[in-house]
């Protein structure tokens, strides 16, 4: 890179003891995605809304002798592994995201990258048995440097801050708060927040099958492995922001995984709604990363019933993992992008709630909303 970053955080960003709430609204100026449903955000959204499923049989045989099911990005060669595969996912998504922002070049930028959990505590005792942590940490550190180099070399975007968030599904919500802090301080003018994750490697699929984590004849309730890259370009929301905004975000921790009380997610949702300050009755839908873990589904239901649901009739619940599989650390950026795109065509309501649950205890929630000046009065009816 041409200039040394003013910030570098290769270690996991952990939650603070105070209420971790986003400090100012952020405008989503651009987005890019590569998923099993499409090579762009628009392709992904169109296929998702049409009900297309990205689940396919792989060439990897499970313990029952049948091909394992996964949701893998079609443009990415099955021969690519490790860092090479992550780069193949990230590069087109990043290019698409910046291609939607005409004045990105030359602006001081922070790169915030969400990664899978890189330690046994964050990942959980069962899945940790399948994770070579030393190799993973090295690979994701290299990916961070390569993405930053891509920004500076190919897009003429000066990177002034590099941060990683190693907490999996909810990492993007933690990153939102950090992005707001950086933008509010004036240290940077825009933030590129992205998540990249993949379960497409043969060895990982075999390990997950061995641990009964993939749906098969033996495991009827497993989690379909997926892969994706999703990037968002975020800036401070001006008085007449031309796009959908992230109006509030917060995160918390669950005290117990089962029985699922949803207390941690409920706290995150309550604080995100409070940071937004809007009327919960205009929440058009809730987007959740329900990907097969029963405790996550129960927590999302309990949290919603105790926060948004009491104020209105039941809003729509969408859970893209049913079509995209478990996309891990790409969950929050991807859900935020889908929610923002969907909100623009929603017939009623002017906001959406996004909730994410990591493998361990971290839970995150964010409110995506159309700016008030963009919302006709009849949308509040």
Protein backbone atom coordinates (compact mmCIF):
# COMPACT_ATOMS: atom_id res chain seq x y z
CA UNK A 1 0.00 0.00 0.00
CA UNK A 2 1.09 3.53 -0.65
CA UNK A 3 0.48 4.87 2.82
CA UNK A 4 0.68 3.30 6.24
CA UNK A 5 -2.71 2.87 7.87
CA UNK A 6 -3.38 4.89 10.98
CA UNK A 7 -5.09 1.94 12.61
CA UNK A 8 -4.46 -1.78 12.51
CA UNK A 9 -6.33 -4.39 14.48
CA UNK A 10 -5.53 -7.98 13.55
CA UNK A 11 -7.04 -9.25 16.79
CA UNK A 12 -10.73 -9.89 17.50
CA UNK A 13 -12.77 -6.81 18.38
CA UNK A 14 -14.59 -7.62 21.61
CA UNK A 15 -17.70 -6.13 23.15
CA UNK A 16 -17.42 -3.30 25.65
CA UNK A 17 -19.01 -3.25 29.09
CA UNK A 18 -21.13 -0.19 28.23
CA UNK A 19 -24.10 -0.43 25.88
CA UNK A 20 -22.47 -1.04 22.46
CA UNK A 21 -24.72 1.13 20.31
CA UNK A 22 -24.02 2.77 16.94
CA UNK A 23 -23.43 6.49 17.39
CA UNK A 24 -24.72 7.92 14.09
CA UNK A 25 -26.68 6.75 11.02
CA UNK A 26 -24.72 5.45 8.06
CA UNK A 27 -25.64 5.76 4.39
CA UNK A 28 -25.25 2.61 2.28
CA UNK A 29 -23.70 4.14 -0.85
CA UNK A 30 -22.83 0.91 -2.63
CA UNK A 31 -22.95 -2.85 -2.28
CA UNK A 32 -21.45 -5.88 -3.98
CA UNK A 33 -22.04 -9.63 -3.56
CA UNK A 34 -20.94 -12.98 -4.86
CA UNK A 35 -23.16 -15.86 -3.73
CA UNK A 36 -24.55 -19.19 -4.87
CA UNK A 37 -27.47 -17.24 -6.37
CA UNK A 38 -25.52 -14.71 -8.42
CA UNK A 39 -22.28 -12.98 -9.28
CA UNK A 40 -23.64 -9.56 -8.27
CA UNK A 41 -25.88 -8.07 -5.61
CA UNK A 42 -28.67 -7.52 -8.12
CA UNK A 43 -28.48 -11.11 -9.40
CA UNK A 44 -28.49 -12.41 -5.85
CA UNK A 45 -31.47 -10.28 -4.85
CA UNK A 46 -33.48 -11.13 -7.97
CA UNK A 47 -32.87 -14.87 -7.58
CA UNK A 48 -33.62 -14.72 -3.87
CA UNK A 49 -36.93 -12.92 -4.39
CA UNK A 50 -37.83 -15.49 -7.07
CA UNK A 51 -37.34 -18.31 -4.56
CA UNK A 52 -34.29 -19.84 -6.24
CA UNK A 53 -32.22 -22.17 -4.07
CA UNK A 54 -28.47 -22.41 -4.39
CA UNK A 55 -28.18 -25.90 -2.87
CA UNK A 56 -26.31 -28.40 -5.04
CA UNK A 57 -24.71 -31.79 -4.75
CA UNK A 58 -20.93 -31.62 -4.50
CA UNK A 59 -18.32 -34.11 -5.65
CA UNK A 60 -17.51 -34.86 -2.00
CA UNK A 61 -19.03 -38.07 -0.67
CA UNK A 62 -20.35 -38.18 2.88
CA UNK A 63 -20.12 -40.99 5.40
CA UNK A 64 -23.32 -42.47 3.97
CA UNK A 65 -21.73 -42.68 0.51
CA UNK A 66 -23.95 -39.95 -0.93
CA UNK A 67 -22.76 -36.56 -2.34
CA UNK A 68 -22.75 -33.83 0.29
CA UNK A 69 -25.06 -30.85 -0.24
CA UNK A 70 -23.60 -27.33 -0.22
CA UNK A 71 -24.43 -23.86 -1.51
CA UNK A 72 -21.36 -22.74 -3.42
CA UNK A 73 -20.70 -19.75 -5.68
CA UNK A 74 -20.88 -20.98 -9.25
CA UNK A 75 -18.23 -18.66 -10.79
CA UNK A 76 -15.62 -19.86 -8.29
CA UNK A 77 -13.72 -22.93 -9.45
CA UNK A 78 -14.03 -25.93 -7.11
CA UNK A 79 -10.26 -26.38 -7.48
CA UNK A 80 -9.55 -23.12 -5.64
CA UNK A 81 -8.85 -23.50 -1.93
CA UNK A 82 -7.88 -21.39 1.04
CA UNK A 83 -6.76 -17.83 0.44
CA UNK A 84 -7.08 -18.19 -3.35
CA UNK A 85 -10.75 -19.11 -3.00
CA UNK A 86 -11.43 -16.22 -0.61
CA UNK A 87 -9.82 -13.77 -3.05
CA UNK A 88 -11.90 -15.16 -5.94
CA UNK A 89 -15.04 -14.44 -3.90
CA UNK A 90 -13.96 -11.04 -2.57
CA UNK A 91 -12.53 -9.35 -5.68
CA UNK A 92 -15.70 -9.15 -7.86
CA UNK A 93 -17.87 -8.21 -4.88
CA UNK A 94 -15.51 -5.38 -3.96
CA UNK A 95 -15.35 -4.18 -7.57
CA UNK A 96 -19.15 -4.14 -7.84
CA UNK A 97 -19.49 -2.24 -4.56
CA UNK A 98 -17.06 0.51 -5.56
CA UNK A 99 -18.48 0.64 -9.08
CA UNK A 100 -21.70 2.00 -7.60
CA UNK A 101 -19.87 4.90 -5.92
CA UNK A 102 -18.71 7.43 -8.50
CA UNK A 103 -16.59 9.51 -6.11
CA UNK A 104 -14.92 6.78 -4.03
CA UNK A 105 -11.42 7.42 -5.39
CA UNK A 106 -9.23 9.68 -3.29
CA UNK A 107 -11.37 9.50 -0.15
CA UNK A 108 -9.72 8.41 3.10
CA UNK A 109 -11.08 4.95 3.73
CA UNK A 110 -11.30 2.35 6.48
CA UNK A 111 -11.46 -1.33 5.54
CA UNK A 112 -13.38 -3.45 8.03
CA UNK A 113 -13.27 -7.17 7.26
CA UNK A 114 -15.48 -9.75 8.98
CA UNK A 115 -14.00 -13.23 9.29
CA UNK A 116 -14.98 -16.58 10.78
CA UNK A 117 -14.12 -17.11 14.45
CA UNK A 118 -10.42 -17.78 14.72
CA UNK A 119 -10.30 -19.24 18.21
CA UNK A 120 -12.00 -22.17 19.93
CA UNK A 121 -13.95 -20.00 22.39
CA UNK A 122 -15.64 -17.98 19.65
CA UNK A 123 -16.27 -20.97 17.38
CA UNK A 124 -17.62 -23.32 20.01
CA UNK A 125 -16.24 -26.66 21.20
CA UNK A 126 -17.78 -28.87 18.49
CA UNK A 127 -16.88 -26.90 15.37
CA UNK A 128 -13.49 -25.97 16.83
CA UNK A 129 -12.44 -29.57 16.27
CA UNK A 130 -12.59 -28.93 12.51
CA UNK A 131 -10.63 -25.69 12.49
CA UNK A 132 -6.84 -25.33 11.90
CA UNK A 133 -6.64 -21.96 13.67
CA UNK A 134 -3.01 -21.08 12.89
CA UNK A 135 -3.56 -21.57 9.17
CA UNK A 136 -6.85 -19.67 9.26
CA UNK A 137 -5.42 -16.66 11.06
CA UNK A 138 -2.57 -16.40 8.60
CA UNK A 139 -4.91 -16.70 5.62
CA UNK A 140 -7.33 -14.02 6.81
CA UNK A 141 -4.50 -11.62 7.67
CA UNK A 142 -3.21 -12.07 4.13
CA UNK A 143 -6.68 -11.52 2.70
CA UNK A 144 -7.03 -8.25 4.63
CA UNK A 145 -3.73 -7.00 3.19
CA UNK A 146 -4.64 -8.11 -0.34
CA UNK A 147 -8.06 -6.44 -0.26
CA UNK A 148 -6.46 -3.23 1.01
CA UNK A 149 -3.90 -3.41 -1.80
CA UNK A 150 -6.71 -3.97 -4.31
CA UNK A 151 -8.46 -0.83 -3.05
CA UNK A 152 -5.37 1.33 -3.38
CA UNK A 153 -3.93 -0.08 -6.60
CA UNK A 154 -7.00 -0.74 -8.74
CA UNK A 155 -9.53 1.70 -7.30
CA UNK A 156 -7.25 4.56 -6.13
CA UNK A 157 -8.83 4.46 -2.68
CA UNK A 158 -6.35 5.42 0.08
CA UNK A 159 -6.72 3.00 2.98
CA UNK A 160 -6.13 4.70 6.32
CA UNK A 161 -7.48 2.03 8.69
CA UNK A 162 -7.47 -1.77 8.66
CA UNK A 163 -9.58 -3.75 11.11
CA UNK A 164 -10.69 -7.35 11.36
CA UNK A 165 -13.67 -8.67 13.29
CA UNK A 166 -13.23 -12.36 14.03
CA UNK A 167 -16.65 -13.15 15.47
CA UNK A 168 -18.46 -14.86 12.61
CA UNK A 169 -22.12 -14.22 11.81
CA UNK A 170 -22.59 -11.13 13.98
CA UNK A 171 -19.18 -9.60 13.22
CA UNK A 172 -20.68 -7.14 10.74
CA UNK A 173 -22.86 -5.58 13.44
CA UNK A 174 -19.82 -5.02 15.66
CA UNK A 175 -18.06 -3.53 12.64
CA UNK A 176 -20.96 -1.10 12.05
CA UNK A 177 -20.37 0.55 15.40
CA UNK A 178 -16.64 0.88 14.73
CA UNK A 179 -17.36 2.33 11.29
CA UNK A 180 -19.64 4.94 12.85
CA UNK A 181 -16.93 5.88 15.34
CA UNK A 182 -14.30 6.29 12.62
CA UNK A 183 -16.60 8.41 10.44
CA UNK A 184 -17.76 10.54 13.36
CA UNK A 185 -14.17 11.26 14.41
CA UNK A 186 -13.27 12.40 10.89
CA UNK A 187 -10.41 9.90 10.69
CA UNK A 188 -11.88 8.58 7.42
CA UNK A 189 -14.46 9.72 4.89
CA UNK A 190 -15.90 6.33 4.02
CA UNK A 191 -15.80 2.75 5.25
CA UNK A 192 -15.73 -0.45 3.23
CA UNK A 193 -17.35 -3.09 5.41
CA UNK A 194 -17.19 -6.62 4.07
CA UNK A 195 -17.48 -10.25 5.00
CA UNK A 196 -15.99 -13.28 3.23
CA UNK A 197 -16.54 -16.88 4.23
CA UNK A 198 -16.50 -20.26 2.53
CA UNK A 199 -17.16 -23.88 3.38
CA UNK A 200 -16.37 -24.99 -0.16
CA UNK A 201 -13.15 -26.90 0.45
CA UNK A 202 -13.22 -30.70 0.32
CA UNK A 203 -11.38 -31.14 3.64
CA UNK A 204 -13.73 -28.79 5.49
CA UNK A 205 -16.84 -30.44 4.05
CA UNK A 206 -15.51 -33.83 5.11
CA UNK A 207 -14.79 -32.57 8.63
CA UNK A 208 -18.25 -31.01 8.96
CA UNK A 209 -19.86 -34.25 7.79
CA UNK A 210 -17.81 -36.21 10.30
CA UNK A 211 -19.16 -33.89 13.03
CA UNK A 212 -22.77 -34.36 11.82
CA UNK A 213 -23.06 -30.71 10.74
CA UNK A 214 -24.27 -31.24 7.13
CA UNK A 215 -27.77 -32.44 6.12
CA UNK A 216 -27.74 -36.04 4.91
CA UNK A 217 -29.60 -39.31 5.30
CA UNK A 218 -27.91 -39.56 8.70
CA UNK A 219 -28.42 -35.93 9.78
CA UNK A 220 -31.87 -34.58 8.87
CA UNK A 221 -31.37 -31.24 10.66
CA UNK A 222 -27.85 -30.25 9.68
CA UNK A 223 -26.67 -26.89 8.37
CA UNK A 224 -26.16 -26.51 4.61
CA UNK A 225 -22.63 -25.11 4.15
CA UNK A 226 -22.43 -22.00 2.01
CA UNK A 227 -20.02 -19.35 0.84
CA UNK A 228 -20.30 -15.69 -0.05
CA UNK A 229 -18.58 -12.34 -0.18
CA UNK A 230 -20.51 -9.15 0.54
CA UNK A 231 -19.20 -5.58 0.72
CA UNK A 232 -20.90 -2.30 1.65
CA UNK A 233 -19.63 1.25 1.16
CA UNK A 234 -20.72 3.33 4.16
CA UNK A 235 -20.61 7.08 4.76
CA UNK A 236 -22.14 9.51 7.21
CA UNK A 237 -25.81 9.95 6.38
CA UNK A 238 -26.31 13.50 5.08
CA UNK A 239 -29.56 15.43 5.54
CA UNK A 240 -30.81 14.09 2.20
CA UNK A 241 -28.98 10.77 1.90
CA UNK A 242 -29.73 9.36 -1.58
CA UNK A 243 -29.87 5.77 -0.33
CA UNK A 244 -31.10 3.55 2.46
CA UNK A 245 -29.38 4.09 5.81
CA UNK A 246 -28.32 1.91 8.70
CA UNK A 247 -30.19 3.84 11.38
CA UNK A 248 -29.21 1.88 14.47
CA UNK A 249 -27.15 -1.14 15.52
CA UNK A 250 -26.17 -2.90 18.71
CA UNK A 251 -24.87 -6.22 19.99
CA UNK A 252 -24.89 -8.26 23.19
CA UNK A 253 -24.11 -11.75 24.48
CA UNK A 254 -26.36 -14.66 25.33
CA UNK A 255 -25.86 -16.14 28.78
CA UNK A 256 -26.85 -19.65 27.71
CA UNK A 257 -27.18 -21.38 24.34
CA UNK A 258 -29.88 -23.81 25.48
CA UNK A 259 -32.54 -23.47 26.62
CA UNK A 260 -32.66 -20.42 24.38
CA UNK A 261 -34.13 -17.44 26.20
CA UNK A 262 -33.12 -14.89 23.59
CA UNK A 263 -32.05 -12.41 26.27
CA UNK A 264 -28.85 -11.41 24.48
CA UNK A 265 -30.54 -10.94 21.12
CA UNK A 266 -33.47 -9.15 22.76
CA UNK A 267 -31.01 -6.70 24.34
CA UNK A 268 -29.33 -6.13 20.98
CA UNK A 269 -32.68 -5.58 19.24
CA UNK A 270 -33.94 -3.23 21.97
CA UNK A 271 -30.78 -1.12 21.83
CA UNK A 272 -30.76 -1.04 18.01
CA UNK A 273 -34.38 0.15 17.96
CA UNK A 274 -33.57 2.77 20.62
CA UNK A 275 -30.57 4.01 18.60
CA UNK A 276 -32.83 4.33 15.56
CA UNK A 277 -35.52 6.14 17.54
CA UNK A 278 -38.28 5.31 15.05
CA UNK A 279 -41.69 3.71 15.43
CA UNK A 280 -41.45 -0.14 15.48
CA UNK A 281 -44.81 -0.24 13.70
CA UNK A 282 -43.14 0.79 10.42
CA UNK A 283 -40.78 -2.22 10.48
CA UNK A 284 -41.77 -3.99 7.26
CA UNK A 285 -39.85 -7.22 7.83
CA UNK A 286 -37.17 -8.92 9.88
CA UNK A 287 -34.16 -10.51 8.15
CA UNK A 288 -32.48 -13.22 10.22
CA UNK A 289 -29.53 -15.52 9.61
CA UNK A 290 -31.44 -18.68 10.58
CA UNK A 291 -29.21 -21.42 9.22
CA UNK A 292 -30.27 -24.59 11.00
CA UNK A 293 -29.23 -24.04 14.62
CA UNK A 294 -32.39 -24.52 16.70
CA UNK A 295 -31.20 -22.27 19.52
CA UNK A 296 -30.68 -19.40 17.06
CA UNK A 297 -34.16 -19.81 15.62
CA UNK A 298 -35.69 -19.89 19.10
CA UNK A 299 -33.70 -16.83 20.22
CA UNK A 300 -34.79 -14.85 17.14
CA UNK A 301 -38.43 -15.75 17.75
CA UNK A 302 -38.31 -14.86 21.44
CA UNK A 303 -36.48 -11.60 20.81
CA UNK A 304 -38.95 -10.52 18.14
CA UNK A 305 -41.99 -11.46 20.23
CA UNK A 306 -40.70 -9.36 23.10
CA UNK A 307 -39.68 -6.28 21.09
CA UNK A 308 -41.22 -5.59 17.65
CA UNK A 309 -44.14 -8.02 17.55
CA UNK A 310 -46.14 -6.62 20.53
CA UNK A 311 -46.51 -3.27 18.75
CA UNK A 312 -48.03 -4.52 15.48
CA UNK A 313 -49.33 -7.40 13.42
CA UNK A 314 -46.79 -10.06 12.55
CA UNK A 315 -44.33 -8.64 9.97
CA UNK A 316 -42.65 -10.76 7.34
CA UNK A 317 -39.71 -12.90 8.43
CA UNK A 318 -37.07 -13.62 5.79
CA UNK A 319 -34.11 -15.94 6.30
CA UNK A 320 -31.88 -16.15 3.21
CA UNK A 321 -29.94 -19.14 4.59
CA UNK A 322 -32.85 -21.27 3.36
CA UNK A 323 -31.67 -20.44 -0.16
CA UNK A 324 -28.02 -19.43 0.31
CA UNK A 325 -26.88 -21.81 3.02
CA UNK A 326 -24.77 -20.82 6.00
CA UNK A 327 -22.54 -17.99 4.74
CA UNK A 328 -20.85 -17.42 8.10
CA UNK A 329 -18.98 -14.14 8.46
CA UNK A 330 -20.60 -12.76 5.30
CA UNK A 331 -24.04 -12.95 6.99
CA UNK A 332 -24.37 -9.43 8.38
CA UNK A 333 -23.14 -7.49 5.29
CA UNK A 334 -25.21 -9.75 3.04
CA UNK A 335 -28.38 -9.40 5.14
CA UNK A 336 -27.92 -5.64 5.39
CA UNK A 337 -27.59 -5.45 1.60
CA UNK A 338 -30.63 -7.64 0.93
CA UNK A 339 -32.68 -5.73 3.50
CA UNK A 340 -31.69 -2.37 1.98
CA UNK A 341 -32.52 -3.54 -1.54
CA UNK A 342 -35.79 -5.14 -0.45
CA UNK A 343 -36.83 -2.06 1.51
CA UNK A 344 -36.77 0.05 -1.64
CA UNK A 345 -39.51 -2.09 -3.19
CA UNK A 346 -41.49 -2.92 -0.04
CA UNK A 347 -45.13 -1.82 -0.49
CA UNK A 348 -45.51 -0.88 3.18
CA UNK A 349 -43.23 0.10 6.01
CA UNK A 350 -40.09 2.19 5.96
CA UNK A 351 -37.65 0.11 8.03
CA UNK A 352 -36.33 -3.43 8.42
CA UNK A 353 -34.73 -5.26 11.32
CA UNK A 354 -31.63 -7.40 10.72
CA UNK A 355 -30.54 -9.94 13.36
CA UNK A 356 -27.45 -12.16 13.40
CA UNK A 357 -26.22 -14.82 15.83
CA UNK A 358 -22.63 -16.04 15.97
CA UNK A 359 -21.65 -19.61 16.80
CA UNK A 360 -20.81 -18.72 20.40
CA UNK A 361 -22.65 -16.06 22.43
CA UNK A 362 -22.45 -12.87 20.34
CA UNK A 363 -25.76 -11.54 19.01
CA UNK A 364 -26.24 -8.49 16.80
CA UNK A 365 -29.13 -6.39 15.51
CA UNK A 366 -29.39 -3.47 13.11
CA UNK A 367 -32.19 -1.29 11.77
CA UNK A 368 -32.13 -0.43 8.07
CA UNK A 369 -34.42 2.44 7.10
CA UNK A 370 -35.37 4.78 4.32
CA UNK A 371 -34.56 8.39 5.29
CA UNK A 372 -37.66 10.28 6.41
CA UNK A 373 -37.63 12.55 3.37
CA UNK A 374 -37.84 9.47 1.09
CA UNK A 375 -40.90 7.97 2.81
CA UNK A 376 -44.37 9.03 1.59
CA UNK A 377 -46.91 9.60 4.34
CA UNK A 378 -48.96 6.56 3.28
CA UNK A 379 -46.08 4.26 4.16
CA UNK A 380 -46.76 4.98 7.84
CA UNK A 381 -50.36 3.92 7.62
